[in-house]
Amino acid sequence: MLDLILACLFWKPIDFPKENKPAPIIRETYTEEDDLWAKLSQEYFEAAKYQSKNKNLEAALETAKLGLKYAPRNKRAYSNALSNVGVHHFRIAKLYKRLKSIATEIPKDSQEIGKDQAEKLYGEQLTLSELYTFHITKAREMYIKAIEINDKSPVFHSNLGNLFLQDEKIKEGVELLKSAMELSPESVKYVFEYGKACLVAKKYEEAKMYLNKSKTLFPALENRVKRLLETVPTSKK
């Protein structure tokens, strides 16, 4: 069905290059030919976004990979495409982590679902761990490649920083989220994210400073900031 939808989107004659995908070299410059590849690539990413919203995460990832395949080989477009695929890997990784967490809480001798079923579920935890590791690793690789191509994007630093926090690599996560904030110091998103990361890292003074700054930049965050600051140990307030 997706192939049919995408085919319909491109029924008009378009003068695509003879190659079946853009040249692999990453360029600084943007060419007229890039517009053609960008149009095709963007349609795949839009389709992937739709699939993801409908909880079809594996299909969304495969569609996003096609977006990467056809992305123009200039620095900006290709780094964005890499990051986009990384986002889909990361979403799947978080899902498998949640599933493993739930499975872990079920006793091996559970009477509620039956002992045999409980033991089977317990055994599946290893598979869930492997799937989590696979997708979190792929996401990390995509984000790192994106940063290597374009190290001035706060989005890429933010994505990788949040991944490290999810993977319980707190120090690395905090450093990357700080880099994202420094690249865009007046962005509410990055100031808020860094403040939250400081809470996780138990850097309470910095957490208070940047969470309050995010509230100043965007007053609608007041209640969220208040709830977060309530988690600071009393002795540290």
C-alpha atoms as a PDB file:
ATOM      1  CA  MET A   1       0.000   0.000   0.000  1.00  0.00           C
ATOM      2  CA  LEU A   2       2.800   2.411   0.905  1.00  0.00           C
ATOM      3  CA  ASP A   3       4.545   1.729  -2.418  1.00  0.00           C
ATOM      4  CA  LEU A   4       1.305   2.518  -4.228  1.00  0.00           C
ATOM      5  CA  ILE A   5       0.845   5.783  -2.299  1.00  0.00           C
ATOM      6  CA  LEU A   6       4.416   6.870  -2.956  1.00  0.00           C
ATOM      7  CA  ALA A   7       4.133   5.901  -6.622  1.00  0.00           C
ATOM      8  CA  CYS A   8       1.078   8.123  -6.938  1.00  0.00           C
ATOM      9  CA  LEU A   9       2.965  11.016  -5.431  1.00  0.00           C
ATOM     10  CA  PHE A  10       5.531  10.851  -8.242  1.00  0.00           C
ATOM     11  CA  TRP A  11       3.402  10.030 -11.262  1.00  0.00           C
ATOM     12  CA  LYS A  12       4.402  13.274 -12.986  1.00  0.00           C
ATOM     13  CA  PRO A  13       7.467  13.012 -15.227  1.00  0.00           C
ATOM     14  CA  ILE A  14      10.513  14.162 -13.285  1.00  0.00           C
ATOM     15  CA  ASP A  15      13.915  14.408 -14.865  1.00  0.00           C
ATOM     16  CA  PHE A  16      15.812  12.333 -12.302  1.00  0.00           C
ATOM     17  CA  PRO A  17      19.506  11.658 -12.902  1.00  0.00           C
ATOM     18  CA  LYS A  18      20.402   8.368 -14.584  1.00  0.00           C
ATOM     19  CA  GLU A  19      21.965   7.005 -11.397  1.00  0.00           C
ATOM     20  CA  ASN A  20      19.545   5.176  -9.100  1.00  0.00           C
ATOM     21  CA  LYS A  21      20.693   7.221  -6.129  1.00  0.00           C
ATOM     22  CA  PRO A  22      22.818  10.341  -5.496  1.00  0.00           C
ATOM     23  CA  ALA A  23      26.590  10.162  -5.668  1.00  0.00           C
ATOM     24  CA  PRO A  24      28.104   9.071  -2.304  1.00  0.00           C
ATOM     25  CA  ILE A  25      30.464  12.031  -1.890  1.00  0.00           C
ATOM     26  CA  ILE A  26      29.388  14.519   0.794  1.00  0.00           C
ATOM     27  CA  ARG A  27      29.625  18.042  -0.606  1.00  0.00           C
ATOM     28  CA  GLU A  28      29.594  21.517   0.907  1.00  0.00           C
ATOM     29  CA  THR A  29      27.638  22.944  -1.998  1.00  0.00           C
ATOM     30  CA  TYR A  30      24.008  22.544  -3.051  1.00  0.00           C
ATOM     31  CA  THR A  31      23.260  21.764  -6.714  1.00  0.00           C
ATOM     32  CA  GLU A  32      20.127  22.006  -8.852  1.00  0.00           C
ATOM     33  CA  GLU A  33      20.065  18.215  -9.028  1.00  0.00           C
ATOM     34  CA  ASP A  34      19.786  18.109  -5.231  1.00  0.00           C
ATOM     35  CA  ASP A  35      16.282  19.556  -5.463  1.00  0.00           C
ATOM     36  CA  LEU A  36      15.093  16.422  -7.233  1.00  0.00           C
ATOM     37  CA  TRP A  37      16.586  14.063  -4.675  1.00  0.00           C
ATOM     38  CA  ALA A  38      15.384  16.254  -1.810  1.00  0.00           C
ATOM     39  CA  LYS A  39      11.796  16.018  -3.079  1.00  0.00           C
ATOM     40  CA  LEU A  40      11.897  12.221  -3.189  1.00  0.00           C
ATOM     41  CA  SER A  41      13.743  11.891   0.111  1.00  0.00           C
ATOM     42  CA  GLN A  42      11.355  14.212   1.933  1.00  0.00           C
ATOM     43  CA  GLU A  43       8.312  12.247   0.796  1.00  0.00           C
ATOM     44  CA  TYR A  44       9.780   9.096   2.322  1.00  0.00           C
ATOM     45  CA  PHE A  45      10.508  10.893   5.595  1.00  0.00           C
ATOM     46  CA  GLU A  46       6.961  12.280   5.695  1.00  0.00           C
ATOM     47  CA  ALA A  47       5.604   8.773   5.136  1.00  0.00           C
ATOM     48  CA  ALA A  48       7.855   7.468   7.922  1.00  0.00           C
ATOM     49  CA  LYS A  49       6.563  10.170  10.269  1.00  0.00           C
ATOM     50  CA  TYR A  50       2.987   9.118   9.525  1.00  0.00           C
ATOM     51  CA  GLN A  51       3.801   5.440  10.172  1.00  0.00           C
ATOM     52  CA  SER A  52       5.530   6.301  13.419  1.00  0.00           C
ATOM     53  CA  LYS A  53       2.541   8.307  14.662  1.00  0.00           C
ATOM     54  CA  ASN A  54       0.431   5.221  13.998  1.00  0.00           C
ATOM     55  CA  LYS A  55       2.789   3.088  16.130  1.00  0.00           C
ATOM     56  CA  ASN A  56       4.158   1.193  13.136  1.00  0.00           C
ATOM     57  CA  LEU A  57       7.738   1.775  14.209  1.00  0.00           C
ATOM     58  CA  GLU A  58       9.522  -0.960  12.255  1.00  0.00           C
ATOM     59  CA  ALA A  59       7.835   0.066   8.997  1.00  0.00           C
ATOM     60  CA  ALA A  60       8.643   3.709   9.738  1.00  0.00           C
ATOM     61  CA  LEU A  61      12.312   2.825  10.130  1.00  0.00           C
ATOM     62  CA  GLU A  62      12.430   1.012   6.788  1.00  0.00           C
ATOM     63  CA  THR A  63      10.731   3.939   5.054  1.00  0.00           C
ATOM     64  CA  ALA A  64      13.142   6.406   6.689  1.00  0.00           C
ATOM     65  CA  LYS A  65      16.058   4.335   5.372  1.00  0.00           C
ATOM     66  CA  LEU A  66      14.748   4.984   1.859  1.00  0.00           C
ATOM     67  CA  GLY A  67      14.692   8.676   2.689  1.00  0.00           C
ATOM     68  CA  LEU A  68      18.361   8.406   3.627  1.00  0.00           C
ATOM     69  CA  LYS A  69      19.157   6.434   0.467  1.00  0.00           C
ATOM     70  CA  TYR A  70      17.826   9.212  -1.747  1.00  0.00           C
ATOM     71  CA  ALA A  71      18.935  12.189   0.343  1.00  0.00           C
ATOM     72  CA  PRO A  72      21.079  14.765  -1.498  1.00  0.00           C
ATOM     73  CA  ARG A  73      24.775  14.364  -0.773  1.00  0.00           C
ATOM     74  CA  ASN A  74      25.353  17.874   0.497  1.00  0.00           C
ATOM     75  CA  LYS A  75      26.328  18.317   4.139  1.00  0.00           C
ATOM     76  CA  ARG A  76      23.122  19.785   5.448  1.00  0.00           C
ATOM     77  CA  ALA A  77      20.650  17.452   3.745  1.00  0.00           C
ATOM     78  CA  TYR A  78      22.586  14.245   4.307  1.00  0.00           C
ATOM     79  CA  SER A  79      23.375  14.926   7.965  1.00  0.00           C
ATOM     80  CA  ASN A  80      19.680  15.668   8.569  1.00  0.00           C
ATOM     81  CA  ALA A  81      18.754  12.399   6.877  1.00  0.00           C
ATOM     82  CA  LEU A  82      21.199  10.437   9.029  1.00  0.00           C
ATOM     83  CA  SER A  83      19.762  12.011  12.154  1.00  0.00           C
ATOM     84  CA  ASN A  84      16.227  11.241  10.974  1.00  0.00           C
ATOM     85  CA  VAL A  85      16.993   7.525  10.627  1.00  0.00           C
ATOM     86  CA  GLY A  86      18.690   7.638  14.026  1.00  0.00           C
ATOM     87  CA  VAL A  87      15.487   9.010  15.562  1.00  0.00           C
ATOM     88  CA  HIS A  88      13.513   5.994  14.303  1.00  0.00           C
ATOM     89  CA  HIS A  89      16.106   3.532  15.646  1.00  0.00           C
ATOM     90  CA  PHE A  90      15.977   5.362  18.978  1.00  0.00           C
ATOM     91  CA  ARG A  91      12.196   5.142  19.218  1.00  0.00           C
ATOM     92  CA  ILE A  92      12.322   1.396  18.682  1.00  0.00           C
ATOM     93  CA  ALA A  93      15.131   1.035  21.240  1.00  0.00           C
ATOM     94  CA  LYS A  94      13.051   2.864  23.870  1.00  0.00           C
ATOM     95  CA  LEU A  95      10.107   0.567  23.143  1.00  0.00           C
ATOM     96  CA  TYR A  96      12.184  -2.575  23.666  1.00  0.00           C
ATOM     97  CA  LYS A  97      13.610  -1.141  26.871  1.00  0.00           C
ATOM     98  CA  ARG A  98      10.087  -0.548  28.216  1.00  0.00           C
ATOM     99  CA  LEU A  99       9.013  -4.062  27.215  1.00  0.00           C
ATOM    100  CA  LYS A 100      12.019  -5.587  28.950  1.00  0.00           C
ATOM    101  CA  SER A 101      11.315  -3.548  32.064  1.00  0.00           C
ATOM    102  CA  ILE A 102       7.739  -4.821  32.176  1.00  0.00           C
ATOM    103  CA  ALA A 103       8.809  -8.428  31.540  1.00  0.00           C
ATOM    104  CA  THR A 104      11.380  -8.203  34.316  1.00  0.00           C
ATOM    105  CA  GLU A 105       8.703  -7.310  36.864  1.00  0.00           C
ATOM    106  CA  ILE A 106       6.740 -10.514  36.227  1.00  0.00           C
ATOM    107  CA  PRO A 107       7.823 -13.326  38.620  1.00  0.00           C
ATOM    108  CA  LYS A 108       9.109 -16.518  36.997  1.00  0.00           C
ATOM    109  CA  ASP A 109       6.557 -18.537  38.951  1.00  0.00           C
ATOM    110  CA  SER A 110       3.634 -16.176  38.249  1.00  0.00           C
ATOM    111  CA  GLN A 111       0.283 -17.826  38.916  1.00  0.00           C
ATOM    112  CA  GLU A 112      -1.611 -15.069  37.111  1.00  0.00           C
ATOM    113  CA  ILE A 113      -0.475 -15.995  33.607  1.00  0.00           C
ATOM    114  CA  GLY A 114       0.677 -19.521  34.326  1.00  0.00           C
ATOM    115  CA  LYS A 115       4.139 -20.761  35.194  1.00  0.00           C
ATOM    116  CA  ASP A 116       4.977 -21.959  31.667  1.00  0.00           C
ATOM    117  CA  GLN A 117       4.038 -18.632  30.098  1.00  0.00           C
ATOM    118  CA  ALA A 118       5.931 -16.711  32.794  1.00  0.00           C
ATOM    119  CA  GLU A 119       9.079 -18.749  32.171  1.00  0.00           C
ATOM    120  CA  LYS A 120       8.748 -18.184  28.424  1.00  0.00           C
ATOM    121  CA  LEU A 121       8.415 -14.438  28.964  1.00  0.00           C
ATOM    122  CA  TYR A 122      11.401 -14.499  31.312  1.00  0.00           C
ATOM    123  CA  GLY A 123      13.467 -16.150  28.586  1.00  0.00           C
ATOM    124  CA  GLU A 124      12.413 -13.533  26.064  1.00  0.00           C
ATOM    125  CA  GLN A 125      14.085 -10.833  28.125  1.00  0.00           C
ATOM    126  CA  LEU A 126      17.394 -11.750  26.504  1.00  0.00           C
ATOM    127  CA  THR A 127      15.902 -11.202  23.053  1.00  0.00           C
ATOM    128  CA  LEU A 128      14.476  -7.853  24.137  1.00  0.00           C
ATOM    129  CA  SER A 129      17.908  -6.853  25.467  1.00  0.00           C
ATOM    130  CA  GLU A 130      19.555  -7.777  22.176  1.00  0.00           C
ATOM    131  CA  LEU A 131      16.983  -5.816  20.167  1.00  0.00           C
ATOM    132  CA  TYR A 132      17.426  -2.797  22.431  1.00  0.00           C
ATOM    133  CA  THR A 133      21.216  -2.978  22.048  1.00  0.00           C
ATOM    134  CA  PHE A 134      20.971  -3.297  18.264  1.00  0.00           C
ATOM    135  CA  HIS A 135      18.733  -0.267  17.792  1.00  0.00           C
ATOM    136  CA  ILE A 136      20.404   1.960  20.382  1.00  0.00           C
ATOM    137  CA  THR A 137      23.765   1.209  18.711  1.00  0.00           C
ATOM    138  CA  LYS A 138      22.405   2.004  15.254  1.00  0.00           C
ATOM    139  CA  ALA A 139      20.874   5.246  16.507  1.00  0.00           C
ATOM    140  CA  ARG A 140      24.175   6.247  18.113  1.00  0.00           C
ATOM    141  CA  GLU A 141      26.062   5.530  14.883  1.00  0.00           C
ATOM    142  CA  MET A 142      23.654   7.667  12.857  1.00  0.00           C
ATOM    143  CA  TYR A 143      23.846  10.590  15.279  1.00  0.00           C
ATOM    144  CA  ILE A 144      27.642  10.451  15.423  1.00  0.00           C
ATOM    145  CA  LYS A 145      27.905  10.419  11.621  1.00  0.00           C
ATOM    146  CA  ALA A 146      25.555  13.393  11.448  1.00  0.00           C
ATOM    147  CA  ILE A 147      27.721  15.333  13.904  1.00  0.00           C
ATOM    148  CA  GLU A 148      30.880  14.399  12.009  1.00  0.00           C
ATOM    149  CA  ILE A 149      29.366  15.929   8.865  1.00  0.00           C
ATOM    150  CA  ASN A 150      27.791  18.947  10.563  1.00  0.00           C
ATOM    151  CA  ASP A 151      29.005  19.660  14.100  1.00  0.00           C
ATOM    152  CA  LYS A 152      27.174  22.996  14.313  1.00  0.00           C
ATOM    153  CA  SER A 153      23.693  21.528  14.618  1.00  0.00           C
ATOM    154  CA  PRO A 154      22.241  21.652  18.158  1.00  0.00           C
ATOM    155  CA  VAL A 155      19.642  19.077  17.064  1.00  0.00           C
ATOM    156  CA  PHE A 156      22.262  16.391  16.509  1.00  0.00           C
ATOM    157  CA  HIS A 157      23.996  17.071  19.835  1.00  0.00           C
ATOM    158  CA  SER A 158      20.640  17.011  21.588  1.00  0.00           C
ATOM    159  CA  ASN A 159      19.643  13.727  19.955  1.00  0.00           C
ATOM    160  CA  LEU A 160      22.894  12.022  20.891  1.00  0.00           C
ATOM    161  CA  GLY A 161      22.828  13.492  24.400  1.00  0.00           C
ATOM    162  CA  ASN A 162      19.331  12.176  25.065  1.00  0.00           C
ATOM    163  CA  LEU A 163      20.354   8.794  23.699  1.00  0.00           C
ATOM    164  CA  PHE A 164      23.254   8.605  26.155  1.00  0.00           C
ATOM    165  CA  LEU A 165      20.939   9.501  29.032  1.00  0.00           C
ATOM    166  CA  GLN A 166      18.521   6.773  27.936  1.00  0.00           C
ATOM    167  CA  ASP A 167      21.455   4.348  27.813  1.00  0.00           C
ATOM    168  CA  GLU A 168      22.494   5.452  31.330  1.00  0.00           C
ATOM    169  CA  LYS A 169      25.706   7.111  30.156  1.00  0.00           C
ATOM    170  CA  ILE A 170      25.004  10.214  32.217  1.00  0.00           C
ATOM    171  CA  LYS A 171      28.296  12.103  31.914  1.00  0.00           C
ATOM    172  CA  GLU A 172      28.385  11.857  28.114  1.00  0.00           C
ATOM    173  CA  GLY A 173      24.725  12.794  27.882  1.00  0.00           C
ATOM    174  CA  VAL A 174      25.120  15.903  30.005  1.00  0.00           C
ATOM    175  CA  GLU A 175      28.147  17.073  28.008  1.00  0.00           C
ATOM    176  CA  LEU A 176      26.337  16.714  24.688  1.00  0.00           C
ATOM    177  CA  LEU A 177      23.206  18.460  25.924  1.00  0.00           C
ATOM    178  CA  LYS A 178      25.386  21.289  27.184  1.00  0.00           C
ATOM    179  CA  SER A 179      26.931  21.512  23.702  1.00  0.00           C
ATOM    180  CA  ALA A 180      23.454  21.681  22.157  1.00  0.00           C
ATOM    181  CA  MET A 181      22.547  24.526  24.514  1.00  0.00           C
ATOM    182  CA  GLU A 182      25.764  26.399  23.779  1.00  0.00           C
ATOM    183  CA  LEU A 183      25.084  26.148  20.045  1.00  0.00           C
ATOM    184  CA  SER A 184      21.629  27.678  20.584  1.00  0.00           C
ATOM    185  CA  PRO A 185      21.739  29.437  23.988  1.00  0.00           C
ATOM    186  CA  GLU A 186      18.337  31.129  23.716  1.00  0.00           C
ATOM    187  CA  SER A 187      16.478  28.005  22.666  1.00  0.00           C
ATOM    188  CA  VAL A 188      13.979  26.976  25.346  1.00  0.00           C
ATOM    189  CA  LYS A 189      14.207  23.333  24.283  1.00  0.00           C
ATOM    190  CA  TYR A 190      17.972  23.012  24.800  1.00  0.00           C
ATOM    191  CA  VAL A 191      18.084  25.072  27.997  1.00  0.00           C
ATOM    192  CA  PHE A 192      15.270  22.948  29.448  1.00  0.00           C
ATOM    193  CA  GLU A 193      16.867  19.677  28.336  1.00  0.00           C
ATOM    194  CA  TYR A 194      20.205  20.626  29.882  1.00  0.00           C
ATOM    195  CA  GLY A 195      18.510  21.598  33.134  1.00  0.00           C
ATOM    196  CA  LYS A 196      16.774  18.208  33.304  1.00  0.00           C
ATOM    197  CA  ALA A 197      20.036  16.424  32.496  1.00  0.00           C
ATOM    198  CA  CYS A 198      21.737  18.241  35.367  1.00  0.00           C
ATOM    199  CA  LEU A 199      19.030  16.897  37.681  1.00  0.00           C
ATOM    200  CA  VAL A 200      19.794  13.354  36.537  1.00  0.00           C
ATOM    201  CA  ALA A 201      23.501  14.007  37.090  1.00  0.00           C
ATOM    202  CA  LYS A 202      22.747  15.444  40.571  1.00  0.00           C
ATOM    203  CA  LYS A 203      24.215  18.802  39.564  1.00  0.00           C
ATOM    204  CA  TYR A 204      21.471  20.564  41.457  1.00  0.00           C
ATOM    205  CA  GLU A 205      22.701  24.152  41.358  1.00  0.00           C
ATOM    206  CA  GLU A 206      23.086  24.070  37.588  1.00  0.00           C
ATOM    207  CA  ALA A 207      19.761  22.286  37.273  1.00  0.00           C
ATOM    208  CA  LYS A 208      17.992  25.061  39.167  1.00  0.00           C
ATOM    209  CA  MET A 209      19.786  27.756  37.181  1.00  0.00           C
ATOM    210  CA  TYR A 210      18.896  26.416  33.745  1.00  0.00           C
ATOM    211  CA  LEU A 211      15.419  25.157  34.556  1.00  0.00           C
ATOM    212  CA  ASN A 212      14.569  28.602  35.912  1.00  0.00           C
ATOM    213  CA  LYS A 213      16.092  30.165  32.803  1.00  0.00           C
ATOM    214  CA  SER A 214      13.893  27.972  30.598  1.00  0.00           C
ATOM    215  CA  LYS A 215      10.873  29.163  32.586  1.00  0.00           C
ATOM    216  CA  THR A 216      11.930  32.774  32.026  1.00  0.00           C
ATOM    217  CA  LEU A 217      12.273  32.160  28.299  1.00  0.00           C
ATOM    218  CA  PHE A 218       8.939  30.355  28.132  1.00  0.00           C
ATOM    219  CA  PRO A 219       6.625  31.037  31.112  1.00  0.00           C
ATOM    220  CA  ALA A 220       4.296  28.165  30.133  1.00  0.00           C
ATOM    221  CA  LEU A 221       6.951  25.810  31.527  1.00  0.00           C
ATOM    222  CA  GLU A 222       6.412  27.108  35.066  1.00  0.00           C
ATOM    223  CA  ASN A 223       4.463  24.102  36.348  1.00  0.00           C
ATOM    224  CA  ARG A 224       6.801  21.554  34.757  1.00  0.00           C
ATOM    225  CA  VAL A 225       9.840  23.315  36.184  1.00  0.00           C
ATOM    226  CA  LYS A 226       8.180  23.468  39.606  1.00  0.00           C
ATOM    227  CA  ARG A 227       7.520  19.709  39.581  1.00  0.00           C
ATOM    228  CA  LEU A 228      11.084  18.962  38.513  1.00  0.00           C
ATOM    229  CA  LEU A 229      12.602  21.189  41.176  1.00  0.00           C
ATOM    230  CA  GLU A 230      10.474  19.470  43.802  1.00  0.00           C
ATOM    231  CA  THR A 231      12.560  16.344  43.170  1.00  0.00           C
ATOM    232  CA  VAL A 232      15.720  18.110  44.386  1.00  0.00           C
ATOM    233  CA  PRO A 233      16.674  16.728  47.830  1.00  0.00           C
ATOM    234  CA  THR A 234      15.667  19.110  50.620  1.00  0.00           C
ATOM    235  CA  SER A 235      19.253  19.563  51.761  1.00  0.00           C
ATOM    236  CA  LYS A 236      20.164  20.787  48.256  1.00  0.00           C
ATOM    237  CA  LYS A 237      17.363  23.343  47.842  1.00  0.00           C
END
